[in-house]
N, C-alpha and C. Protein backbone atom coordinates (compact mmCIF):
# COMPACT_ATOMS: atom_id res chain seq x y z
N MET A 1 10.59 35.73 73.96
CA MET A 1 10.30 34.71 72.97
C MET A 1 11.06 35.04 71.71
N SER A 2 11.79 34.11 71.22
CA SER A 2 12.57 34.38 70.02
C SER A 2 11.87 33.88 68.76
N GLU A 3 11.00 32.89 68.86
CA GLU A 3 10.32 32.36 67.69
C GLU A 3 8.84 32.22 67.98
N PRO A 4 8.01 32.41 66.96
CA PRO A 4 6.58 32.21 67.15
C PRO A 4 6.28 30.77 67.54
N THR A 5 5.26 30.59 68.37
CA THR A 5 4.87 29.25 68.78
C THR A 5 3.95 28.60 67.76
N VAL A 6 3.53 29.36 66.76
CA VAL A 6 2.61 28.86 65.75
C VAL A 6 3.36 28.65 64.44
N SER A 7 3.10 27.54 63.79
CA SER A 7 3.70 27.29 62.49
C SER A 7 2.86 28.02 61.44
N LEU A 8 3.47 28.95 60.74
CA LEU A 8 2.77 29.71 59.71
C LEU A 8 2.99 29.06 58.36
N ARG A 9 2.38 27.93 58.16
CA ARG A 9 2.61 27.23 56.90
C ARG A 9 1.96 27.98 55.75
N HIS A 10 2.71 28.12 54.68
CA HIS A 10 2.28 28.77 53.45
C HIS A 10 1.55 30.09 53.70
N PRO A 11 2.29 31.13 54.08
CA PRO A 11 1.65 32.41 54.40
C PRO A 11 0.81 33.01 53.26
N LEU A 12 1.23 32.83 52.01
CA LEU A 12 0.44 33.37 50.90
C LEU A 12 -0.90 32.65 50.77
N THR A 13 -0.89 31.34 50.96
CA THR A 13 -2.14 30.59 50.93
C THR A 13 -3.04 31.02 52.07
N ALA A 14 -2.46 31.19 53.25
CA ALA A 14 -3.25 31.62 54.41
C ALA A 14 -3.83 33.01 54.19
N ALA A 15 -3.07 33.91 53.58
CA ALA A 15 -3.57 35.26 53.30
C ALA A 15 -4.71 35.22 52.28
N PHE A 16 -4.57 34.39 51.25
CA PHE A 16 -5.63 34.26 50.26
C PHE A 16 -6.90 33.70 50.89
N LEU A 17 -6.75 32.67 51.72
CA LEU A 17 -7.92 32.09 52.39
C LEU A 17 -8.56 33.09 53.35
N ALA A 18 -7.73 33.92 54.00
CA ALA A 18 -8.26 34.94 54.91
C ALA A 18 -9.03 36.00 54.13
N TRP A 19 -8.62 36.28 52.89
CA TRP A 19 -9.40 37.20 52.07
C TRP A 19 -10.68 36.54 51.60
N LEU A 20 -10.58 35.28 51.17
CA LEU A 20 -11.73 34.57 50.62
C LEU A 20 -12.87 34.51 51.63
N VAL A 21 -12.59 34.06 52.83
CA VAL A 21 -13.57 34.02 53.92
C VAL A 21 -12.83 34.46 55.18
N PRO A 22 -13.27 35.55 55.80
CA PRO A 22 -12.57 36.02 57.00
C PRO A 22 -12.44 34.91 58.05
N GLY A 23 -11.22 34.71 58.52
CA GLY A 23 -10.93 33.68 59.53
C GLY A 23 -10.45 32.37 58.95
N LEU A 24 -10.70 32.12 57.68
CA LEU A 24 -10.35 30.83 57.08
C LEU A 24 -8.85 30.62 57.03
N GLY A 25 -8.08 31.66 56.79
CA GLY A 25 -6.63 31.54 56.78
C GLY A 25 -6.07 31.15 58.14
N HIS A 26 -6.71 31.63 59.18
CA HIS A 26 -6.28 31.29 60.54
C HIS A 26 -6.63 29.85 60.89
N PHE A 27 -7.80 29.38 60.42
CA PHE A 27 -8.14 27.97 60.60
C PHE A 27 -7.12 27.10 59.87
N TYR A 28 -6.73 27.50 58.69
CA TYR A 28 -5.74 26.77 57.90
C TYR A 28 -4.42 26.66 58.65
N GLN A 29 -4.05 27.70 59.38
CA GLN A 29 -2.80 27.70 60.13
C GLN A 29 -2.93 27.03 61.50
N GLY A 30 -4.12 26.61 61.86
CA GLY A 30 -4.31 25.97 63.15
C GLY A 30 -4.60 26.95 64.29
N ARG A 31 -4.82 28.20 63.97
CA ARG A 31 -5.14 29.21 64.99
C ARG A 31 -6.66 29.37 65.05
N THR A 32 -7.31 28.37 65.63
CA THR A 32 -8.75 28.27 65.62
C THR A 32 -9.43 29.41 66.36
N GLY A 33 -8.93 29.76 67.52
CA GLY A 33 -9.54 30.84 68.31
C GLY A 33 -9.56 32.15 67.55
N LYS A 34 -8.43 32.48 66.94
CA LYS A 34 -8.35 33.72 66.17
C LYS A 34 -9.24 33.63 64.94
N GLY A 35 -9.30 32.48 64.32
CA GLY A 35 -10.16 32.31 63.15
C GLY A 35 -11.62 32.53 63.48
N ILE A 36 -12.05 31.97 64.61
CA ILE A 36 -13.44 32.16 65.04
C ILE A 36 -13.71 33.63 65.35
N LEU A 37 -12.77 34.26 66.05
CA LEU A 37 -12.93 35.68 66.39
C LEU A 37 -13.06 36.54 65.15
N TYR A 38 -12.17 36.36 64.18
CA TYR A 38 -12.23 37.15 62.96
C TYR A 38 -13.50 36.85 62.16
N ALA A 39 -13.85 35.59 62.05
CA ALA A 39 -15.04 35.23 61.27
C ALA A 39 -16.30 35.83 61.89
N VAL A 40 -16.46 35.69 63.18
CA VAL A 40 -17.67 36.20 63.85
C VAL A 40 -17.73 37.72 63.77
N CYS A 41 -16.64 38.39 64.09
CA CYS A 41 -16.65 39.86 64.12
C CYS A 41 -16.80 40.46 62.73
N ILE A 42 -16.00 40.02 61.78
CA ILE A 42 -16.02 40.63 60.45
C ILE A 42 -17.28 40.25 59.69
N LEU A 43 -17.63 38.97 59.69
CA LEU A 43 -18.85 38.57 58.98
C LEU A 43 -20.10 39.08 59.68
N GLY A 44 -20.05 39.18 61.01
CA GLY A 44 -21.18 39.75 61.75
C GLY A 44 -21.40 41.21 61.41
N LEU A 45 -20.33 41.98 61.35
CA LEU A 45 -20.42 43.39 60.98
C LEU A 45 -20.91 43.54 59.54
N TYR A 46 -20.38 42.72 58.66
CA TYR A 46 -20.81 42.75 57.26
C TYR A 46 -22.29 42.36 57.14
N GLY A 47 -22.69 41.31 57.83
CA GLY A 47 -24.08 40.86 57.78
C GLY A 47 -25.03 41.89 58.36
N MET A 48 -24.62 42.56 59.44
CA MET A 48 -25.45 43.60 60.04
C MET A 48 -25.64 44.76 59.06
N GLY A 49 -24.56 45.14 58.39
CA GLY A 49 -24.66 46.21 57.39
C GLY A 49 -25.57 45.82 56.24
N MET A 50 -25.43 44.59 55.78
CA MET A 50 -26.29 44.11 54.69
C MET A 50 -27.76 44.10 55.12
N ALA A 51 -28.01 43.69 56.36
CA ALA A 51 -29.38 43.66 56.87
C ALA A 51 -29.95 45.08 56.96
N MET A 52 -29.13 46.04 57.39
CA MET A 52 -29.60 47.42 57.49
C MET A 52 -30.01 47.98 56.13
N GLY A 53 -29.29 47.61 55.09
CA GLY A 53 -29.61 48.09 53.75
C GLY A 53 -30.43 47.13 52.93
N GLU A 54 -30.99 46.13 53.58
CA GLU A 54 -31.81 45.10 52.94
C GLU A 54 -31.13 44.50 51.71
N GLY A 55 -29.82 44.29 51.81
CA GLY A 55 -29.06 43.63 50.76
C GLY A 55 -28.83 44.47 49.52
N GLN A 56 -29.06 45.78 49.59
CA GLN A 56 -28.95 46.62 48.41
C GLN A 56 -27.81 47.63 48.49
N ILE A 57 -26.86 47.41 49.38
CA ILE A 57 -25.82 48.43 49.57
C ILE A 57 -24.44 47.98 49.11
N VAL A 58 -24.30 46.76 48.71
CA VAL A 58 -23.01 46.29 48.18
C VAL A 58 -23.22 46.04 46.69
N TYR A 59 -22.61 46.92 45.89
CA TYR A 59 -22.70 46.80 44.44
C TYR A 59 -21.49 47.49 43.82
N TRP A 60 -21.22 47.16 42.58
CA TRP A 60 -20.07 47.74 41.87
C TRP A 60 -20.52 48.22 40.51
N ARG A 61 -19.95 49.32 40.10
CA ARG A 61 -20.20 49.90 38.79
C ARG A 61 -18.85 50.21 38.15
N TRP A 62 -18.65 49.80 36.91
CA TRP A 62 -17.40 50.08 36.20
C TRP A 62 -17.47 51.49 35.65
N VAL A 63 -16.88 52.43 36.38
CA VAL A 63 -16.89 53.84 36.00
C VAL A 63 -15.49 54.39 36.24
N ASN A 64 -15.04 55.22 35.34
CA ASN A 64 -13.75 55.88 35.52
C ASN A 64 -13.92 56.98 36.58
N PRO A 65 -13.19 56.90 37.70
CA PRO A 65 -13.39 57.89 38.76
C PRO A 65 -12.95 59.30 38.36
N LEU A 66 -12.10 59.43 37.36
CA LEU A 66 -11.68 60.76 36.93
C LEU A 66 -12.72 61.43 36.04
N ASN A 67 -13.44 60.64 35.26
CA ASN A 67 -14.46 61.19 34.36
C ASN A 67 -15.81 61.35 35.05
N ASN A 68 -16.13 60.48 35.98
CA ASN A 68 -17.45 60.49 36.61
C ASN A 68 -17.32 60.15 38.09
N PRO A 69 -16.73 61.04 38.90
CA PRO A 69 -16.46 60.70 40.30
C PRO A 69 -17.69 60.47 41.16
N GLU A 70 -18.82 61.10 40.83
CA GLU A 70 -20.02 60.91 41.66
C GLU A 70 -20.66 59.54 41.47
N LYS A 71 -20.34 58.87 40.38
CA LYS A 71 -20.89 57.52 40.17
C LYS A 71 -19.91 56.41 40.55
N PHE A 72 -18.69 56.79 40.91
CA PHE A 72 -17.68 55.79 41.28
C PHE A 72 -18.01 55.22 42.66
N CYS A 73 -17.95 53.90 42.79
CA CYS A 73 -18.30 53.21 44.05
C CYS A 73 -17.06 53.07 44.92
N LEU A 74 -16.63 54.13 45.53
CA LEU A 74 -15.42 54.12 46.35
C LEU A 74 -15.54 53.15 47.53
N TYR A 75 -16.69 53.10 48.15
CA TYR A 75 -16.88 52.23 49.31
C TYR A 75 -16.74 50.75 48.95
N TYR A 76 -17.02 50.38 47.69
CA TYR A 76 -16.90 48.96 47.32
C TYR A 76 -15.45 48.49 47.40
N ILE A 77 -14.52 49.39 47.23
CA ILE A 77 -13.12 49.00 47.35
C ILE A 77 -12.86 48.44 48.74
N GLY A 78 -13.42 49.05 49.77
CA GLY A 78 -13.32 48.51 51.12
C GLY A 78 -14.12 47.23 51.28
N GLN A 79 -15.33 47.22 50.75
CA GLN A 79 -16.20 46.03 50.87
C GLN A 79 -15.59 44.82 50.17
N PHE A 80 -14.85 45.05 49.11
CA PHE A 80 -14.23 43.97 48.35
C PHE A 80 -13.35 43.09 49.23
N PHE A 81 -12.71 43.66 50.23
CA PHE A 81 -11.78 42.90 51.05
C PHE A 81 -12.46 41.95 52.03
N VAL A 82 -13.79 41.95 52.07
CA VAL A 82 -14.50 40.92 52.84
C VAL A 82 -14.38 39.59 52.11
N GLY A 83 -14.11 39.65 50.82
CA GLY A 83 -13.86 38.44 50.04
C GLY A 83 -15.09 37.89 49.36
N LEU A 84 -15.29 36.61 49.51
CA LEU A 84 -16.37 35.90 48.83
C LEU A 84 -17.75 36.51 49.06
N PRO A 85 -18.08 36.98 50.26
CA PRO A 85 -19.41 37.59 50.43
C PRO A 85 -19.66 38.82 49.57
N ALA A 86 -18.62 39.53 49.13
CA ALA A 86 -18.80 40.73 48.31
C ALA A 86 -18.53 40.48 46.83
N LEU A 87 -18.11 39.29 46.48
CA LEU A 87 -17.75 39.00 45.09
C LEU A 87 -18.92 39.03 44.12
N PRO A 88 -20.14 38.61 44.51
CA PRO A 88 -21.25 38.70 43.54
C PRO A 88 -21.49 40.11 43.01
N ALA A 89 -21.19 41.13 43.81
CA ALA A 89 -21.37 42.51 43.35
C ALA A 89 -20.43 42.82 42.19
N LEU A 90 -19.20 42.34 42.25
CA LEU A 90 -18.25 42.54 41.17
C LEU A 90 -18.69 41.80 39.91
N ILE A 91 -19.22 40.61 40.09
CA ILE A 91 -19.71 39.82 38.94
C ILE A 91 -20.91 40.52 38.31
N GLN A 92 -21.85 40.99 39.14
CA GLN A 92 -23.04 41.68 38.61
C GLN A 92 -22.64 42.96 37.89
N GLY A 93 -21.72 43.73 38.47
CA GLY A 93 -21.28 44.96 37.84
C GLY A 93 -20.58 44.71 36.51
N THR A 94 -19.81 43.63 36.44
CA THR A 94 -19.12 43.28 35.19
C THR A 94 -20.13 42.86 34.12
N LEU A 95 -21.12 42.06 34.51
CA LEU A 95 -22.15 41.65 33.55
C LEU A 95 -22.91 42.86 33.02
N THR A 96 -23.29 43.77 33.90
CA THR A 96 -24.01 44.97 33.49
C THR A 96 -23.15 45.84 32.57
N HIS A 97 -21.87 45.95 32.90
CA HIS A 97 -20.96 46.76 32.10
C HIS A 97 -20.87 46.26 30.66
N PHE A 98 -20.92 44.95 30.49
CA PHE A 98 -20.83 44.37 29.15
C PHE A 98 -22.19 44.14 28.51
N GLY A 99 -23.25 44.74 29.07
CA GLY A 99 -24.57 44.70 28.45
C GLY A 99 -25.40 43.46 28.73
N HIS A 100 -25.03 42.66 29.71
CA HIS A 100 -25.80 41.47 30.05
C HIS A 100 -26.74 41.77 31.21
N GLU A 101 -27.75 40.96 31.35
CA GLU A 101 -28.68 41.09 32.45
C GLU A 101 -28.06 40.51 33.73
N PRO A 102 -28.38 41.09 34.88
CA PRO A 102 -27.87 40.52 36.14
C PRO A 102 -28.38 39.10 36.36
N ILE A 103 -27.59 38.32 37.06
CA ILE A 103 -27.97 36.95 37.39
C ILE A 103 -28.34 36.88 38.88
N LEU A 104 -28.67 35.72 39.35
CA LEU A 104 -29.00 35.48 40.75
C LEU A 104 -30.17 36.35 41.23
N GLY A 105 -31.10 36.63 40.33
CA GLY A 105 -32.26 37.44 40.69
C GLY A 105 -31.89 38.88 41.01
N GLY A 106 -30.78 39.35 40.51
CA GLY A 106 -30.36 40.73 40.76
C GLY A 106 -29.69 40.93 42.11
N PHE A 107 -29.34 39.85 42.79
CA PHE A 107 -28.68 39.96 44.10
C PHE A 107 -27.34 40.66 43.92
N MET A 108 -27.12 41.74 44.65
CA MET A 108 -25.93 42.57 44.63
C MET A 108 -25.73 43.29 43.30
N ALA A 109 -26.79 43.44 42.52
CA ALA A 109 -26.73 44.28 41.33
C ALA A 109 -27.01 45.71 41.78
N GLU A 110 -26.68 46.67 40.94
CA GLU A 110 -26.89 48.07 41.30
C GLU A 110 -28.37 48.32 41.54
N PRO A 111 -28.73 48.86 42.70
CA PRO A 111 -30.15 49.11 43.00
C PRO A 111 -30.69 50.33 42.25
N SER A 112 -31.97 50.55 42.42
CA SER A 112 -32.61 51.70 41.76
C SER A 112 -32.09 53.02 42.32
N GLN A 113 -32.34 54.09 41.59
CA GLN A 113 -31.87 55.41 42.01
C GLN A 113 -32.53 55.86 43.31
N ILE A 114 -33.73 55.41 43.59
CA ILE A 114 -34.42 55.78 44.84
C ILE A 114 -33.65 55.26 46.04
N VAL A 115 -33.19 54.02 45.98
CA VAL A 115 -32.42 53.44 47.08
C VAL A 115 -31.05 54.12 47.17
N LEU A 116 -30.45 54.39 46.02
CA LEU A 116 -29.13 55.02 46.02
C LEU A 116 -29.15 56.41 46.65
N ASN A 117 -30.21 57.14 46.46
CA ASN A 117 -30.31 58.49 47.02
C ASN A 117 -30.76 58.49 48.47
N GLY A 118 -31.05 57.34 49.03
CA GLY A 118 -31.49 57.26 50.41
C GLY A 118 -32.91 57.74 50.61
N LEU A 119 -33.70 57.74 49.53
CA LEU A 119 -35.07 58.23 49.63
C LEU A 119 -36.08 57.13 49.92
N HIS A 120 -35.61 55.93 50.05
CA HIS A 120 -36.51 54.81 50.34
C HIS A 120 -37.13 55.06 51.71
N PRO A 121 -38.44 55.18 51.80
CA PRO A 121 -39.05 55.58 53.07
C PRO A 121 -38.83 54.59 54.21
N ARG A 122 -38.76 53.33 53.90
CA ARG A 122 -38.59 52.34 54.96
C ARG A 122 -37.15 52.26 55.45
N LEU A 123 -36.19 52.52 54.58
CA LEU A 123 -34.79 52.37 54.96
C LEU A 123 -34.19 53.66 55.53
N GLY A 124 -34.47 54.78 54.94
CA GLY A 124 -33.93 56.05 55.42
C GLY A 124 -32.41 56.06 55.47
N LYS A 125 -31.88 56.49 56.59
CA LYS A 125 -30.42 56.61 56.76
C LYS A 125 -29.75 55.26 57.01
N LEU A 126 -30.51 54.20 57.19
CA LEU A 126 -29.90 52.88 57.40
C LEU A 126 -29.06 52.45 56.21
N VAL A 127 -29.39 52.96 55.03
CA VAL A 127 -28.60 52.64 53.85
C VAL A 127 -27.17 53.14 54.04
N GLU A 128 -27.03 54.37 54.50
CA GLU A 128 -25.70 54.93 54.70
C GLU A 128 -24.96 54.23 55.82
N ILE A 129 -25.63 53.95 56.92
CA ILE A 129 -24.98 53.28 58.05
C ILE A 129 -24.58 51.87 57.66
N GLY A 130 -25.44 51.17 56.95
CA GLY A 130 -25.11 49.82 56.49
C GLY A 130 -23.93 49.82 55.53
N THR A 131 -23.84 50.84 54.69
CA THR A 131 -22.71 50.95 53.78
C THR A 131 -21.41 51.12 54.56
N ILE A 132 -21.45 51.93 55.59
CA ILE A 132 -20.26 52.12 56.43
C ILE A 132 -19.90 50.81 57.14
N TYR A 133 -20.88 50.09 57.67
CA TYR A 133 -20.62 48.82 58.35
C TYR A 133 -19.94 47.82 57.41
N THR A 134 -20.47 47.68 56.20
CA THR A 134 -19.89 46.70 55.28
C THR A 134 -18.50 47.12 54.83
N THR A 135 -18.29 48.41 54.67
CA THR A 135 -16.97 48.90 54.26
C THR A 135 -15.96 48.70 55.38
N VAL A 136 -16.33 49.00 56.60
CA VAL A 136 -15.43 48.80 57.75
C VAL A 136 -15.11 47.32 57.93
N ALA A 137 -16.07 46.45 57.68
CA ALA A 137 -15.81 45.01 57.77
C ALA A 137 -14.71 44.61 56.79
N GLY A 138 -14.75 45.14 55.59
CA GLY A 138 -13.70 44.84 54.61
C GLY A 138 -12.36 45.39 55.03
N LEU A 139 -12.35 46.60 55.58
CA LEU A 139 -11.10 47.19 56.02
C LEU A 139 -10.51 46.44 57.21
N LEU A 140 -11.37 45.95 58.11
CA LEU A 140 -10.89 45.13 59.22
C LEU A 140 -10.30 43.81 58.72
N ASN A 141 -10.88 43.29 57.66
CA ASN A 141 -10.36 42.04 57.13
C ASN A 141 -8.97 42.22 56.53
N ILE A 142 -8.62 43.43 56.11
CA ILE A 142 -7.25 43.66 55.64
C ILE A 142 -6.27 43.38 56.77
N LEU A 143 -6.63 43.78 57.98
CA LEU A 143 -5.76 43.48 59.14
C LEU A 143 -5.69 41.98 59.40
N ALA A 144 -6.81 41.30 59.25
CA ALA A 144 -6.83 39.85 59.45
C ALA A 144 -6.00 39.14 58.37
N ILE A 145 -6.06 39.65 57.15
CA ILE A 145 -5.26 39.07 56.06
C ILE A 145 -3.78 39.23 56.38
N TYR A 146 -3.41 40.42 56.84
CA TYR A 146 -2.01 40.66 57.18
C TYR A 146 -1.57 39.76 58.34
N ASP A 147 -2.44 39.55 59.32
CA ASP A 147 -2.11 38.68 60.44
C ASP A 147 -1.93 37.24 59.97
N ALA A 148 -2.75 36.81 59.02
CA ALA A 148 -2.61 35.45 58.49
C ALA A 148 -1.30 35.30 57.71
N TYR A 149 -0.89 36.37 57.05
CA TYR A 149 0.34 36.33 56.27
C TYR A 149 1.58 36.43 57.15
N GLU A 150 1.58 37.37 58.06
CA GLU A 150 2.77 37.66 58.85
C GLU A 150 2.81 36.93 60.19
N GLY A 151 1.67 36.57 60.72
CA GLY A 151 1.62 35.88 61.99
C GLY A 151 1.61 36.82 63.17
N PRO A 152 1.59 36.26 64.38
CA PRO A 152 1.54 37.09 65.58
C PRO A 152 2.79 37.97 65.71
N ALA A 153 2.62 39.10 66.35
CA ALA A 153 3.75 40.01 66.57
C ALA A 153 4.49 39.60 67.84
N TYR A 154 5.77 39.46 67.73
CA TYR A 154 6.62 39.13 68.87
C TYR A 154 7.76 40.13 68.93
N GLN A 155 8.10 40.53 70.15
CA GLN A 155 9.24 41.42 70.33
C GLN A 155 10.32 40.66 71.05
N GLU A 156 11.50 40.65 70.47
CA GLU A 156 12.61 39.99 71.11
C GLU A 156 13.30 40.97 72.06
N TYR A 157 13.53 40.52 73.29
CA TYR A 157 14.29 41.35 74.22
C TYR A 157 15.02 40.44 75.19
N ASP A 158 16.07 40.97 75.74
CA ASP A 158 16.87 40.25 76.72
C ASP A 158 16.49 40.77 78.10
N GLU A 159 15.82 39.92 78.89
CA GLU A 159 15.32 40.35 80.19
C GLU A 159 16.45 40.78 81.13
N GLU A 160 17.57 40.08 81.09
CA GLU A 160 18.69 40.45 81.96
C GLU A 160 19.24 41.82 81.59
N ALA A 161 19.34 42.12 80.30
CA ALA A 161 19.82 43.43 79.87
C ALA A 161 18.85 44.52 80.29
N MET A 162 17.56 44.22 80.28
CA MET A 162 16.56 45.20 80.70
C MET A 162 16.70 45.50 82.19
N LEU A 163 17.03 44.49 82.99
CA LEU A 163 17.19 44.69 84.43
C LEU A 163 18.44 45.53 84.74
N ARG A 164 19.52 45.30 84.00
CA ARG A 164 20.76 46.03 84.22
C ARG A 164 20.67 47.48 83.74
N SER A 165 19.90 47.71 82.71
CA SER A 165 19.83 49.04 82.10
C SER A 165 19.01 49.99 82.96
N PRO A 166 19.54 51.16 83.30
CA PRO A 166 18.75 52.11 84.10
C PRO A 166 17.56 52.66 83.33
N SER A 167 17.60 52.63 82.01
CA SER A 167 16.47 53.15 81.23
C SER A 167 15.49 52.05 80.86
N GLY A 168 15.76 50.81 81.23
CA GLY A 168 14.89 49.69 80.88
C GLY A 168 13.56 49.77 81.60
N ALA A 169 12.54 49.25 80.98
CA ALA A 169 11.19 49.33 81.54
C ALA A 169 11.08 48.54 82.84
N LEU A 170 11.73 47.37 82.91
CA LEU A 170 11.65 46.56 84.13
C LEU A 170 12.38 47.24 85.28
N ALA A 171 13.53 47.83 85.01
CA ALA A 171 14.27 48.52 86.05
C ALA A 171 13.48 49.72 86.56
N THR A 172 12.85 50.43 85.66
CA THR A 172 12.04 51.59 86.06
C THR A 172 10.85 51.14 86.89
N ALA A 173 10.24 50.05 86.53
CA ALA A 173 9.10 49.56 87.29
C ALA A 173 9.50 49.14 88.69
N ARG A 174 10.67 48.60 88.87
CA ARG A 174 11.11 48.17 90.19
C ARG A 174 11.50 49.35 91.08
N GLU A 175 11.88 50.48 90.47
CA GLU A 175 12.28 51.64 91.24
C GLU A 175 11.08 52.37 91.84
N LEU A 176 9.89 52.15 91.32
CA LEU A 176 8.70 52.82 91.83
C LEU A 176 8.31 52.22 93.18
N ASN A 177 7.93 53.08 94.12
CA ASN A 177 7.44 52.57 95.39
C ASN A 177 5.94 52.33 95.28
N PRO A 178 5.34 51.66 96.26
CA PRO A 178 3.92 51.28 96.16
C PRO A 178 2.98 52.47 95.97
N GLU A 179 3.34 53.67 96.42
CA GLU A 179 2.44 54.80 96.26
C GLU A 179 2.45 55.33 94.84
N GLY A 180 3.39 54.91 94.01
CA GLY A 180 3.44 55.33 92.63
C GLY A 180 4.40 56.47 92.37
N SER A 181 5.04 57.03 93.39
CA SER A 181 6.01 58.09 93.13
C SER A 181 7.42 57.51 93.14
N ALA A 182 8.33 58.16 92.47
CA ALA A 182 9.68 57.66 92.34
C ALA A 182 10.53 57.91 93.56
């Protein structure tokens, strides 16, 4: 195949939409199957992580990582790439940083120190596992964003040249006998 069979119209727009909502960039490009796959897998993983932490594990704090590394929210950098589902945490953290009260009933605002330390008796280690799930969902969406931008991977090769070449994969495959030895 020398050219992709899919029209990748406006790759930057598709990449932005893929960041905004996982799978949306693929729907925009007409790749519905891939869009559904990315949306279900990434949003499902993110939703499962949020459920494990009862919605208290995605938050952002404006802290200089060099001055206060233990308070820096490193995992939110991964969660951020889920897009719109993680954006309220950035808004809440910004409001808190500038001395305002959280909005939306405190949804995705920084939780209490008891929850942060994993001492909540009902949640236990689910807080940590949920944090990993939501972070991995964001990191997986980076791959989906790249796929929306760059499109499917295709390798160009000349089948006739592969057959003539003694080192070609097709020629090597034909030289094998049915038992698998050369």
